[in-house]
């Protein structure tokens, strides 16, 4: 990828298409601009693939 390339991704939850910064990394968690879902980047090459990030439960020691 060169520095001028626009990376596009689609939210797997609401199917909104948005642009990502070119320095996005595998494993990074981003937020969908449309529905607010937390999305994890699972693949970058050959194309961006996102999945809804697993929400970790808070452990309050109960």
C-alpha atoms as a PDB file:
ATOM      1  CA  UNK A   1       0.000   0.000   0.000  1.00  0.00           C
ATOM      2  CA  UNK A   2       1.283   3.426  -0.801  1.00  0.00           C
ATOM      3  CA  UNK A   3       0.670   6.569   1.229  1.00  0.00           C
ATOM      4  CA  UNK A   4      -2.035   7.868  -1.135  1.00  0.00           C
ATOM      5  CA  UNK A   5      -4.278   4.807  -0.951  1.00  0.00           C
ATOM      6  CA  UNK A   6      -7.683   5.212   0.705  1.00  0.00           C
ATOM      7  CA  UNK A   7      -8.647   2.183   2.755  1.00  0.00           C
ATOM      8  CA  UNK A   8     -12.355   1.453   2.940  1.00  0.00           C
ATOM      9  CA  UNK A   9     -14.099  -0.956   5.262  1.00  0.00           C
ATOM     10  CA  UNK A  10     -17.679  -2.023   5.865  1.00  0.00           C
ATOM     11  CA  UNK A  11     -19.212  -2.433   9.305  1.00  0.00           C
ATOM     12  CA  UNK A  12     -20.370  -6.060   9.688  1.00  0.00           C
ATOM     13  CA  UNK A  13     -23.146  -4.880  12.025  1.00  0.00           C
ATOM     14  CA  UNK A  14     -24.878  -2.109  10.030  1.00  0.00           C
ATOM     15  CA  UNK A  15     -23.058  -2.359   6.638  1.00  0.00           C
ATOM     16  CA  UNK A  16     -21.984   1.306   6.747  1.00  0.00           C
ATOM     17  CA  UNK A  17     -18.922   1.910   4.558  1.00  0.00           C
ATOM     18  CA  UNK A  18     -16.244   4.224   5.923  1.00  0.00           C
ATOM     19  CA  UNK A  19     -12.601   5.142   5.398  1.00  0.00           C
ATOM     20  CA  UNK A  20      -9.773   4.012   7.647  1.00  0.00           C
ATOM     21  CA  UNK A  21      -6.409   5.631   8.241  1.00  0.00           C
ATOM     22  CA  UNK A  22      -3.621   4.025   6.247  1.00  0.00           C
ATOM     23  CA  UNK A  23      -1.741   3.115   9.442  1.00  0.00           C
ATOM     24  CA  UNK A  24      -4.518   0.867  10.807  1.00  0.00           C
ATOM     25  CA  UNK A  25      -3.123  -2.348  12.312  1.00  0.00           C
ATOM     26  CA  UNK A  26      -4.425  -5.889  12.661  1.00  0.00           C
ATOM     27  CA  UNK A  27      -5.954  -6.311  16.120  1.00  0.00           C
ATOM     28  CA  UNK A  28      -6.851  -2.626  16.421  1.00  0.00           C
ATOM     29  CA  UNK A  29     -10.338  -1.819  17.726  1.00  0.00           C
ATOM     30  CA  UNK A  30     -12.193   0.992  15.979  1.00  0.00           C
ATOM     31  CA  UNK A  31     -15.685   2.420  16.328  1.00  0.00           C
ATOM     32  CA  UNK A  32     -18.222   2.469  13.499  1.00  0.00           C
ATOM     33  CA  UNK A  33     -19.116   6.098  12.727  1.00  0.00           C
ATOM     34  CA  UNK A  34     -22.727   5.116  11.974  1.00  0.00           C
ATOM     35  CA  UNK A  35     -23.908   2.612  14.608  1.00  0.00           C
ATOM     36  CA  UNK A  36     -21.154   2.964  17.233  1.00  0.00           C
ATOM     37  CA  UNK A  37     -20.224  -0.742  17.219  1.00  0.00           C
ATOM     38  CA  UNK A  38     -16.748  -1.613  18.472  1.00  0.00           C
ATOM     39  CA  UNK A  39     -14.992  -3.377  15.583  1.00  0.00           C
ATOM     40  CA  UNK A  40     -11.743  -5.328  15.546  1.00  0.00           C
ATOM     41  CA  UNK A  41      -9.513  -5.322  12.464  1.00  0.00           C
ATOM     42  CA  UNK A  42      -8.942  -9.029  11.742  1.00  0.00           C
ATOM     43  CA  UNK A  43      -7.360  -8.776   8.261  1.00  0.00           C
ATOM     44  CA  UNK A  44      -5.593  -6.025   6.345  1.00  0.00           C
ATOM     45  CA  UNK A  45      -4.345  -7.805   3.203  1.00  0.00           C
ATOM     46  CA  UNK A  46      -5.650  -8.406   0.602  1.00  0.00           C
ATOM     47  CA  UNK A  47      -8.573  -6.349   1.936  1.00  0.00           C
ATOM     48  CA  UNK A  48      -9.736  -4.943   5.258  1.00  0.00           C
ATOM     49  CA  UNK A  49     -11.917  -7.342   7.233  1.00  0.00           C
ATOM     50  CA  UNK A  50     -13.669  -6.295  10.435  1.00  0.00           C
ATOM     51  CA  UNK A  51     -15.608  -8.207  13.065  1.00  0.00           C
ATOM     52  CA  UNK A  52     -17.597  -7.012  16.040  1.00  0.00           C
ATOM     53  CA  UNK A  53     -15.155  -6.871  18.954  1.00  0.00           C
ATOM     54  CA  UNK A  54     -15.860  -9.077  21.931  1.00  0.00           C
ATOM     55  CA  UNK A  55     -16.780  -7.000  24.954  1.00  0.00           C
ATOM     56  CA  UNK A  56     -14.866  -8.054  28.025  1.00  0.00           C
ATOM     57  CA  UNK A  57     -16.958  -8.262  31.156  1.00  0.00           C
ATOM     58  CA  UNK A  58     -15.863  -6.126  34.083  1.00  0.00           C
ATOM     59  CA  UNK A  59     -14.812  -8.165  37.100  1.00  0.00           C
ATOM     60  CA  UNK A  60     -15.725  -6.212  40.208  1.00  0.00           C
ATOM     61  CA  UNK A  61     -14.568  -9.015  42.527  1.00  0.00           C
ATOM     62  CA  UNK A  62     -18.074 -10.139  43.376  1.00  0.00           C
END
